[in-house]
Structures are given as structure tokens and as C-alpha cells.
């Protein structure tokens, strides 16, 4: 995945920003962080032994000079992290009427859960701070409706202060669609442009609508953006915190 994305040398991987690695399709946040931390800690400066033929491999090599075996980047550890992430997503069975709060710095797991539900026949609606075209391309969302939280005022965008309009759009979706799931990715942006209590009331109302319509609500949140008492209040309003 790294090679295909243009990171075809040790030097390029060493210079990669954490955000660059996290943005790669098919690489989870934990895996990207492991690669980044390995590079920053000097992991690529070490001479290692080839697991296939036992030859020494220099720090700047991508493969064994003797047998051609690819150099692992903390191979077993990254593989285990990827397996754990995939298993966590696979084992979590989303329940109708439930609201889920997914605490993560980026929204990778939230979108993976959203995509998993779509693959099982759910009809989705995505509210995001990210530009819709990027989201559709990265996650292959097809014709899934997306509202872009932005002050730009473009088509399919909605100003973050227009919480009433956002509520109406989501209620209309829930009323007209069965077997539905909503992903709210941008709660921090709504709070920044309004205030915490106003957004909390919005979440409470949306949670109730989701329960009544037997839908599912996923809320992505970077917990470091809230005060602890605010996070506690928000967690009380959801069914499951991940």
C-alpha cells in the first residue's frame, strides 16, 4: 500500500507526515501511527537480518539484496494491529434504535462502520466537515446523500449555525427511508460555531428521532476537543461509546 501510494523509498517514508500516512486508503489510524512512530524513532536506521535467508539488510534498503524478500516495517506488529482493527469492526454488530459515540482523533472507524452497514443494505446519510467529493472518492459512497458543514454556501452544503435546517433534513431522511443509518462527522465544528449546550440539545433530539424510526446514528468525535464534563454529558446521551 505504501509503495503504490508513492512511498517507494525509505527516505520518503521517513519524511512522511502522520496525516499523510493516515490519509492512505486501506491503512487504519493505528497502523499509520505505528509506521510514523517507527520512522521517527530511528527504526529505519537499523541493520536487520532477512527472515528468509539470514543476510544483513542495510537501513536504506526496501528488500534483501540476496533473496529479494521485502523489508517489513515492524511487520508482525503492524499486521497484528491491522487484524485487530478489522476484527473490532467486524465483531461490532450495530443495533437499530441505537446511537453510537465513536471516540477517535480521525474518523476512520466511524466510516468503516458506516460502510459496513451500507454493505448490509442500510440506506445512509452522511453529515461531514470534509469536502463531499473527497469523502465519496475515499470511501466509495456512490449516491449516498452528503451534507457538507461549511460556511462556503455551495450546493449540498449547510452553514453550521443552521441546526434547525440540519434537523429538518435528517428528520425528512428518517421519515422517508427505512433501514437507515446516519453518520455525523463534524460535531466539533458544530460546537465551535454554536455552543456545547445548543449542540447537545440537537443530539438529544436527533437521538430520539433515530430511536423512533428504528434507525442507527453514528457520531464521530475527537474527545480531546471537549472539556471532561462536556464529554460526560454527551456520553450520557448515547447508547454505546466506542
C-alpha atoms as a PDB file:
ATOM      1  CA  UNK A   1       0.000   0.000   0.000  1.00  0.00           C
ATOM      2  CA  UNK A   2       2.831   2.398   0.869  1.00  0.00           C
ATOM      3  CA  UNK A   3       4.652   1.661  -2.387  1.00  0.00           C
ATOM      4  CA  UNK A   4       1.523   2.114  -4.510  1.00  0.00           C
ATOM      5  CA  UNK A   5       0.811   5.442  -2.783  1.00  0.00           C
ATOM      6  CA  UNK A   6       4.196   6.846  -3.803  1.00  0.00           C
ATOM      7  CA  UNK A   7       6.175   5.994  -0.667  1.00  0.00           C
ATOM      8  CA  UNK A   8       8.573   3.865  -2.693  1.00  0.00           C
ATOM      9  CA  UNK A   9      11.712   4.601  -0.705  1.00  0.00           C
ATOM     10  CA  UNK A  10      12.753   4.579   2.937  1.00  0.00           C
ATOM     11  CA  UNK A  11      13.601   8.276   2.684  1.00  0.00           C
ATOM     12  CA  UNK A  12      10.069   9.166   1.567  1.00  0.00           C
ATOM     13  CA  UNK A  13       8.539   7.150   4.397  1.00  0.00           C
ATOM     14  CA  UNK A  14      10.842   8.841   6.913  1.00  0.00           C
ATOM     15  CA  UNK A  15       9.759  12.278   5.670  1.00  0.00           C
ATOM     16  CA  UNK A  16       6.044  11.434   5.619  1.00  0.00           C
ATOM     17  CA  UNK A  17       3.785  13.351   7.971  1.00  0.00           C
ATOM     18  CA  UNK A  18       1.453  11.467  10.266  1.00  0.00           C
ATOM     19  CA  UNK A  19      -1.502  12.996   8.384  1.00  0.00           C
ATOM     20  CA  UNK A  20      -0.127  11.744   5.042  1.00  0.00           C
ATOM     21  CA  UNK A  21       0.000   8.158   6.282  1.00  0.00           C
ATOM     22  CA  UNK A  22      -3.426   8.350   7.920  1.00  0.00           C
ATOM     23  CA  UNK A  23      -4.997   9.560   4.682  1.00  0.00           C
ATOM     24  CA  UNK A  24      -3.920   6.459   2.743  1.00  0.00           C
ATOM     25  CA  UNK A  25      -6.815   4.240   1.726  1.00  0.00           C
ATOM     26  CA  UNK A  26      -6.639   0.810   3.320  1.00  0.00           C
ATOM     27  CA  UNK A  27      -4.371   1.832   6.206  1.00  0.00           C
ATOM     28  CA  UNK A  28      -6.040   2.358   9.567  1.00  0.00           C
ATOM     29  CA  UNK A  29      -5.133   5.094  12.028  1.00  0.00           C
ATOM     30  CA  UNK A  30      -3.311   2.736  14.385  1.00  0.00           C
ATOM     31  CA  UNK A  31      -1.263   1.235  11.550  1.00  0.00           C
ATOM     32  CA  UNK A  32      -0.349   4.677  10.206  1.00  0.00           C
ATOM     33  CA  UNK A  33       0.703   5.797  13.691  1.00  0.00           C
ATOM     34  CA  UNK A  34       2.839   2.669  14.141  1.00  0.00           C
ATOM     35  CA  UNK A  35       4.675   3.327  10.867  1.00  0.00           C
ATOM     36  CA  UNK A  36       5.131   7.008  11.723  1.00  0.00           C
ATOM     37  CA  UNK A  37       6.440   6.306  15.226  1.00  0.00           C
ATOM     38  CA  UNK A  38       8.766   3.600  13.913  1.00  0.00           C
ATOM     39  CA  UNK A  39      10.229   6.033  11.376  1.00  0.00           C
ATOM     40  CA  UNK A  40      10.579   8.876  13.884  1.00  0.00           C
ATOM     41  CA  UNK A  41      12.271   6.641  16.461  1.00  0.00           C
ATOM     42  CA  UNK A  42      15.018   5.701  14.020  1.00  0.00           C
ATOM     43  CA  UNK A  43      13.678   2.282  13.148  1.00  0.00           C
ATOM     44  CA  UNK A  44      14.857   2.625   9.566  1.00  0.00           C
ATOM     45  CA  UNK A  45      18.418   3.316  10.711  1.00  0.00           C
ATOM     46  CA  UNK A  46      18.881  -0.230  11.990  1.00  0.00           C
ATOM     47  CA  UNK A  47      20.596  -3.054  10.128  1.00  0.00           C
ATOM     48  CA  UNK A  48      18.238  -6.025  10.203  1.00  0.00           C
ATOM     49  CA  UNK A  49      18.509  -9.702   9.324  1.00  0.00           C
ATOM     50  CA  UNK A  50      16.490 -11.149   6.464  1.00  0.00           C
ATOM     51  CA  UNK A  51      13.883 -13.569   7.806  1.00  0.00           C
ATOM     52  CA  UNK A  52      14.205 -15.733   4.681  1.00  0.00           C
ATOM     53  CA  UNK A  53      17.931 -16.166   4.029  1.00  0.00           C
ATOM     54  CA  UNK A  54      19.613 -14.605   7.063  1.00  0.00           C
ATOM     55  CA  UNK A  55      21.549 -11.950   5.121  1.00  0.00           C
ATOM     56  CA  UNK A  56      22.114  -8.469   6.538  1.00  0.00           C
ATOM     57  CA  UNK A  57      19.883  -5.730   5.116  1.00  0.00           C
ATOM     58  CA  UNK A  58      21.113  -2.143   5.238  1.00  0.00           C
ATOM     59  CA  UNK A  59      18.865   0.595   6.728  1.00  0.00           C
ATOM     60  CA  UNK A  60      18.004   2.247   3.399  1.00  0.00           C
ATOM     61  CA  UNK A  61      17.057  -0.989   1.600  1.00  0.00           C
ATOM     62  CA  UNK A  62      13.484  -1.963   0.805  1.00  0.00           C
ATOM     63  CA  UNK A  63      14.364  -5.597   0.071  1.00  0.00           C
ATOM     64  CA  UNK A  64      17.015  -8.183   0.881  1.00  0.00           C
ATOM     65  CA  UNK A  65      19.946  -7.882  -1.595  1.00  0.00           C
ATOM     66  CA  UNK A  66      20.404 -11.664  -1.571  1.00  0.00           C
ATOM     67  CA  UNK A  67      16.917 -13.126  -1.968  1.00  0.00           C
ATOM     68  CA  UNK A  68      14.702 -10.116  -2.669  1.00  0.00           C
ATOM     69  CA  UNK A  69      12.428 -10.528   0.369  1.00  0.00           C
ATOM     70  CA  UNK A  70      10.661  -7.243   1.170  1.00  0.00           C
ATOM     71  CA  UNK A  71      11.754  -5.450   4.319  1.00  0.00           C
ATOM     72  CA  UNK A  72       8.960  -5.440   6.926  1.00  0.00           C
ATOM     73  CA  UNK A  73       8.182  -2.240   8.812  1.00  0.00           C
ATOM     74  CA  UNK A  74       7.704  -3.715  12.237  1.00  0.00           C
ATOM     75  CA  UNK A  75       5.962  -6.374  10.159  1.00  0.00           C
ATOM     76  CA  UNK A  76       4.317  -8.577  12.745  1.00  0.00           C
ATOM     77  CA  UNK A  77       3.262  -5.649  14.913  1.00  0.00           C
ATOM     78  CA  UNK A  78       1.610  -3.790  12.026  1.00  0.00           C
ATOM     79  CA  UNK A  79      -0.071  -6.965  10.816  1.00  0.00           C
ATOM     80  CA  UNK A  80      -1.487  -7.599  14.278  1.00  0.00           C
ATOM     81  CA  UNK A  81      -2.725  -4.003  14.542  1.00  0.00           C
ATOM     82  CA  UNK A  82      -4.463  -4.282  11.164  1.00  0.00           C
ATOM     83  CA  UNK A  83      -6.047  -7.592  12.152  1.00  0.00           C
ATOM     84  CA  UNK A  84      -7.226  -6.163  15.477  1.00  0.00           C
ATOM     85  CA  UNK A  85      -8.783  -3.125  13.772  1.00  0.00           C
ATOM     86  CA  UNK A  86     -10.548  -5.266  11.182  1.00  0.00           C
ATOM     87  CA  UNK A  87     -11.783  -7.725  13.804  1.00  0.00           C
ATOM     88  CA  UNK A  88     -13.088  -4.929  16.028  1.00  0.00           C
ATOM     89  CA  UNK A  89     -15.133  -3.516  13.152  1.00  0.00           C
ATOM     90  CA  UNK A  90     -16.332  -6.958  12.067  1.00  0.00           C
ATOM     91  CA  UNK A  91     -17.420  -8.065  15.533  1.00  0.00           C
ATOM     92  CA  UNK A  92     -19.335  -4.901  16.405  1.00  0.00           C
ATOM     93  CA  UNK A  93     -22.961  -5.547  15.475  1.00  0.00           C
ATOM     94  CA  UNK A  94     -24.788  -2.238  15.145  1.00  0.00           C
ATOM     95  CA  UNK A  95     -28.296  -2.315  16.601  1.00  0.00           C
ATOM     96  CA  UNK A  96     -31.307  -0.416  15.336  1.00  0.00           C
ATOM     97  CA  UNK A  97     -32.592   2.431  17.570  1.00  0.00           C
ATOM     98  CA  UNK A  98     -29.049   2.842  18.973  1.00  0.00           C
ATOM     99  CA  UNK A  99     -26.835   5.927  18.977  1.00  0.00           C
ATOM    100  CA  UNK A 100     -23.084   5.266  18.989  1.00  0.00           C
ATOM    101  CA  UNK A 101     -20.349   7.704  20.007  1.00  0.00           C
ATOM    102  CA  UNK A 102     -17.050   6.754  18.358  1.00  0.00           C
ATOM    103  CA  UNK A 103     -14.149   8.489  20.073  1.00  0.00           C
ATOM    104  CA  UNK A 104     -11.165   8.858  17.736  1.00  0.00           C
ATOM    105  CA  UNK A 105      -8.791  11.553  16.531  1.00  0.00           C
ATOM    106  CA  UNK A 106      -9.708  10.855  12.922  1.00  0.00           C
ATOM    107  CA  UNK A 107     -12.983   9.345  11.720  1.00  0.00           C
ATOM    108  CA  UNK A 108     -11.630   6.142  10.173  1.00  0.00           C
ATOM    109  CA  UNK A 109     -13.531   3.654  12.349  1.00  0.00           C
ATOM    110  CA  UNK A 110     -16.728   5.675  12.036  1.00  0.00           C
ATOM    111  CA  UNK A 111     -16.624   5.495   8.246  1.00  0.00           C
ATOM    112  CA  UNK A 112     -15.701   1.806   8.336  1.00  0.00           C
ATOM    113  CA  UNK A 113     -18.757   1.088  10.497  1.00  0.00           C
ATOM    114  CA  UNK A 114     -20.873   3.245   8.194  1.00  0.00           C
ATOM    115  CA  UNK A 115     -19.609   1.390   5.115  1.00  0.00           C
ATOM    116  CA  UNK A 116     -20.191  -1.958   6.799  1.00  0.00           C
ATOM    117  CA  UNK A 117     -23.833  -1.017   7.392  1.00  0.00           C
ATOM    118  CA  UNK A 118     -24.253   0.158   3.788  1.00  0.00           C
ATOM    119  CA  UNK A 119     -22.840  -3.140   2.528  1.00  0.00           C
ATOM    120  CA  UNK A 120     -25.564  -4.927   4.504  1.00  0.00           C
ATOM    121  CA  UNK A 121     -28.353  -2.997   2.822  1.00  0.00           C
ATOM    122  CA  UNK A 122     -28.773   0.030   5.075  1.00  0.00           C
ATOM    123  CA  UNK A 123     -29.548   3.379   3.467  1.00  0.00           C
ATOM    124  CA  UNK A 124     -27.099   6.006   4.631  1.00  0.00           C
ATOM    125  CA  UNK A 125     -26.929   9.750   5.146  1.00  0.00           C
ATOM    126  CA  UNK A 126     -23.606  11.432   5.887  1.00  0.00           C
ATOM    127  CA  UNK A 127     -23.075  14.797   7.587  1.00  0.00           C
ATOM    128  CA  UNK A 128     -19.432  15.803   7.416  1.00  0.00           C
ATOM    129  CA  UNK A 129     -16.967  18.648   7.768  1.00  0.00           C
ATOM    130  CA  UNK A 130     -14.913  17.155   4.925  1.00  0.00           C
ATOM    131  CA  UNK A 131     -15.423  18.104   1.284  1.00  0.00           C
ATOM    132  CA  UNK A 132     -18.023  15.655  -0.136  1.00  0.00           C
ATOM    133  CA  UNK A 133     -16.066  14.731  -3.267  1.00  0.00           C
ATOM    134  CA  UNK A 134     -13.109  13.622  -1.142  1.00  0.00           C
ATOM    135  CA  UNK A 135     -15.364  11.524   1.079  1.00  0.00           C
ATOM    136  CA  UNK A 136     -17.212   9.927  -1.848  1.00  0.00           C
ATOM    137  CA  UNK A 137     -13.918   9.073  -3.541  1.00  0.00           C
ATOM    138  CA  UNK A 138     -12.118   7.779  -0.464  1.00  0.00           C
ATOM    139  CA  UNK A 139     -14.966   5.598   0.787  1.00  0.00           C
ATOM    140  CA  UNK A 140     -16.785   4.884  -2.489  1.00  0.00           C
ATOM    141  CA  UNK A 141     -20.110   6.167  -1.136  1.00  0.00           C
ATOM    142  CA  UNK A 142     -21.800   6.235  -4.526  1.00  0.00           C
ATOM    143  CA  UNK A 143     -25.149   8.045  -4.372  1.00  0.00           C
ATOM    144  CA  UNK A 144     -25.269   8.234  -0.559  1.00  0.00           C
ATOM    145  CA  UNK A 145     -26.520  11.753   0.287  1.00  0.00           C
ATOM    146  CA  UNK A 146     -23.962  14.004   1.971  1.00  0.00           C
ATOM    147  CA  UNK A 147     -24.360  17.351   3.710  1.00  0.00           C
ATOM    148  CA  UNK A 148     -21.171  19.378   3.884  1.00  0.00           C
ATOM    149  CA  UNK A 149     -20.883  21.514   7.023  1.00  0.00           C
ATOM    150  CA  UNK A 150     -19.364  24.706   5.665  1.00  0.00           C
ATOM    151  CA  UNK A 151     -19.810  28.464   5.552  1.00  0.00           C
ATOM    152  CA  UNK A 152     -18.912  28.484   1.852  1.00  0.00           C
ATOM    153  CA  UNK A 153     -22.537  28.241   0.752  1.00  0.00           C
ATOM    154  CA  UNK A 154     -22.151  25.741  -2.088  1.00  0.00           C
ATOM    155  CA  UNK A 155     -24.673  23.149  -3.264  1.00  0.00           C
ATOM    156  CA  UNK A 156     -25.309  20.415  -0.694  1.00  0.00           C
ATOM    157  CA  UNK A 157     -23.544  22.482   1.952  1.00  0.00           C
ATOM    158  CA  UNK A 158     -25.101  23.770   5.138  1.00  0.00           C
ATOM    159  CA  UNK A 159     -23.889  26.505   7.434  1.00  0.00           C
ATOM    160  CA  UNK A 160     -23.019  25.125  10.884  1.00  0.00           C
ATOM    161  CA  UNK A 161     -25.313  27.607  12.626  1.00  0.00           C
ATOM    162  CA  UNK A 162     -28.335  26.285  10.701  1.00  0.00           C
ATOM    163  CA  UNK A 163     -29.016  23.485  13.166  1.00  0.00           C
ATOM    164  CA  UNK A 164     -32.756  23.715  12.603  1.00  0.00           C
ATOM    165  CA  UNK A 165     -32.308  23.198   8.866  1.00  0.00           C
ATOM    166  CA  UNK A 166     -29.966  20.284   9.537  1.00  0.00           C
ATOM    167  CA  UNK A 167     -32.519  18.738  11.893  1.00  0.00           C
ATOM    168  CA  UNK A 168     -35.264  19.046   9.274  1.00  0.00           C
ATOM    169  CA  UNK A 169     -33.079  17.413   6.595  1.00  0.00           C
ATOM    170  CA  UNK A 170     -32.253  14.474   8.841  1.00  0.00           C
ATOM    171  CA  UNK A 171     -35.846  14.052  10.023  1.00  0.00           C
ATOM    172  CA  UNK A 172     -37.050  14.015   6.405  1.00  0.00           C
ATOM    173  CA  UNK A 173     -34.489  11.332   5.589  1.00  0.00           C
ATOM    174  CA  UNK A 174     -35.536   9.222   8.571  1.00  0.00           C
ATOM    175  CA  UNK A 175     -39.226   9.612   7.750  1.00  0.00           C
ATOM    176  CA  UNK A 176     -38.828   8.644   4.097  1.00  0.00           C
ATOM    177  CA  UNK A 177     -36.266   5.860   4.489  1.00  0.00           C
ATOM    178  CA  UNK A 178     -36.466   2.537   6.296  1.00  0.00           C
ATOM    179  CA  UNK A 179     -33.428   0.564   7.422  1.00  0.00           C
ATOM    180  CA  UNK A 180     -31.421   3.779   7.680  1.00  0.00           C
ATOM    181  CA  UNK A 181     -28.153   4.912   9.250  1.00  0.00           C
ATOM    182  CA  UNK A 182     -26.765   8.417   9.806  1.00  0.00           C
ATOM    183  CA  UNK A 183     -23.107   9.322  10.231  1.00  0.00           C
ATOM    184  CA  UNK A 184     -22.475  12.653  11.959  1.00  0.00           C
ATOM    185  CA  UNK A 185     -18.836  13.577  11.352  1.00  0.00           C
ATOM    186  CA  UNK A 186     -18.236  17.165  12.392  1.00  0.00           C
ATOM    187  CA  UNK A 187     -19.686  17.554  15.868  1.00  0.00           C
ATOM    188  CA  UNK A 188     -16.657  19.602  16.942  1.00  0.00           C
ATOM    189  CA  UNK A 189     -17.302  22.072  14.115  1.00  0.00           C
ATOM    190  CA  UNK A 190     -20.936  22.460  15.136  1.00  0.00           C
ATOM    191  CA  UNK A 191     -19.910  23.137  18.734  1.00  0.00           C
ATOM    192  CA  UNK A 192     -17.299  25.695  17.659  1.00  0.00           C
ATOM    193  CA  UNK A 193     -19.863  27.638  15.622  1.00  0.00           C
ATOM    194  CA  UNK A 194     -22.672  27.401  18.173  1.00  0.00           C
ATOM    195  CA  UNK A 195     -22.091  26.301  21.754  1.00  0.00           C
ATOM    196  CA  UNK A 196     -21.941  22.975  23.509  1.00  0.00           C
ATOM    197  CA  UNK A 197     -25.403  23.022  25.123  1.00  0.00           C
ATOM    198  CA  UNK A 198     -27.108  24.008  21.865  1.00  0.00           C
ATOM    199  CA  UNK A 199     -25.430  21.145  20.021  1.00  0.00           C
ATOM    200  CA  UNK A 200     -26.173  18.762  22.897  1.00  0.00           C
ATOM    201  CA  UNK A 201     -29.879  19.550  22.553  1.00  0.00           C
ATOM    202  CA  UNK A 202     -29.576  18.911  18.810  1.00  0.00           C
ATOM    203  CA  UNK A 203     -28.012  15.498  19.523  1.00  0.00           C
ATOM    204  CA  UNK A 204     -30.744  14.680  22.048  1.00  0.00           C
ATOM    205  CA  UNK A 205     -33.464  15.459  19.515  1.00  0.00           C
ATOM    206  CA  UNK A 206     -31.749  13.508  16.737  1.00  0.00           C
ATOM    207  CA  UNK A 207     -31.170  10.535  19.041  1.00  0.00           C
ATOM    208  CA  UNK A 208     -34.894  10.422  19.836  1.00  0.00           C
ATOM    209  CA  UNK A 209     -35.825  10.576  16.145  1.00  0.00           C
ATOM    210  CA  UNK A 210     -33.396   7.743  15.389  1.00  0.00           C
ATOM    211  CA  UNK A 211     -34.916   5.595  18.127  1.00  0.00           C
ATOM    212  CA  UNK A 212     -38.491   6.252  16.970  1.00  0.00           C
ATOM    213  CA  UNK A 213     -37.653   5.418  13.343  1.00  0.00           C
ATOM    214  CA  UNK A 214     -35.612   2.339  14.333  1.00  0.00           C
ATOM    215  CA  UNK A 215     -32.530   3.733  12.622  1.00  0.00           C
ATOM    216  CA  UNK A 216     -28.864   3.919  13.684  1.00  0.00           C
ATOM    217  CA  UNK A 217     -26.819   7.025  14.497  1.00  0.00           C
ATOM    218  CA  UNK A 218     -23.013   7.135  14.460  1.00  0.00           C
ATOM    219  CA  UNK A 219     -21.338  10.201  15.970  1.00  0.00           C
ATOM    220  CA  UNK A 220     -17.618  10.640  15.329  1.00  0.00           C
ATOM    221  CA  UNK A 221     -15.796  12.726  17.924  1.00  0.00           C
ATOM    222  CA  UNK A 222     -12.255  13.672  18.836  1.00  0.00           C
ATOM    223  CA  UNK A 223     -12.611  13.593  22.656  1.00  0.00           C
ATOM    224  CA  UNK A 224      -9.672  15.952  23.180  1.00  0.00           C
ATOM    225  CA  UNK A 225     -11.773  18.813  21.759  1.00  0.00           C
ATOM    226  CA  UNK A 226     -14.191  18.775  24.705  1.00  0.00           C
ATOM    227  CA  UNK A 227     -13.891  19.503  28.396  1.00  0.00           C
ATOM    228  CA  UNK A 228     -14.304  16.396  30.544  1.00  0.00           C
ATOM    229  CA  UNK A 229     -17.681  17.460  31.940  1.00  0.00           C
ATOM    230  CA  UNK A 230     -18.928  18.113  28.390  1.00  0.00           C
ATOM    231  CA  UNK A 231     -17.754  14.690  27.276  1.00  0.00           C
ATOM    232  CA  UNK A 232     -19.519  13.125  30.262  1.00  0.00           C
ATOM    233  CA  UNK A 233     -22.789  14.844  29.356  1.00  0.00           C
ATOM    234  CA  UNK A 234     -22.522  13.720  25.742  1.00  0.00           C
ATOM    235  CA  UNK A 235     -21.753  10.123  26.706  1.00  0.00           C
ATOM    236  CA  UNK A 236     -24.914  10.045  28.831  1.00  0.00           C
ATOM    237  CA  UNK A 237     -26.987  10.826  25.742  1.00  0.00           C
ATOM    238  CA  UNK A 238     -25.781   7.863  23.664  1.00  0.00           C
ATOM    239  CA  UNK A 239     -26.376   4.138  23.961  1.00  0.00           C
ATOM    240  CA  UNK A 240     -22.834   2.944  23.273  1.00  0.00           C
ATOM    241  CA  UNK A 241     -19.433   4.640  23.476  1.00  0.00           C
ATOM    242  CA  UNK A 242     -16.632   3.093  21.446  1.00  0.00           C
END
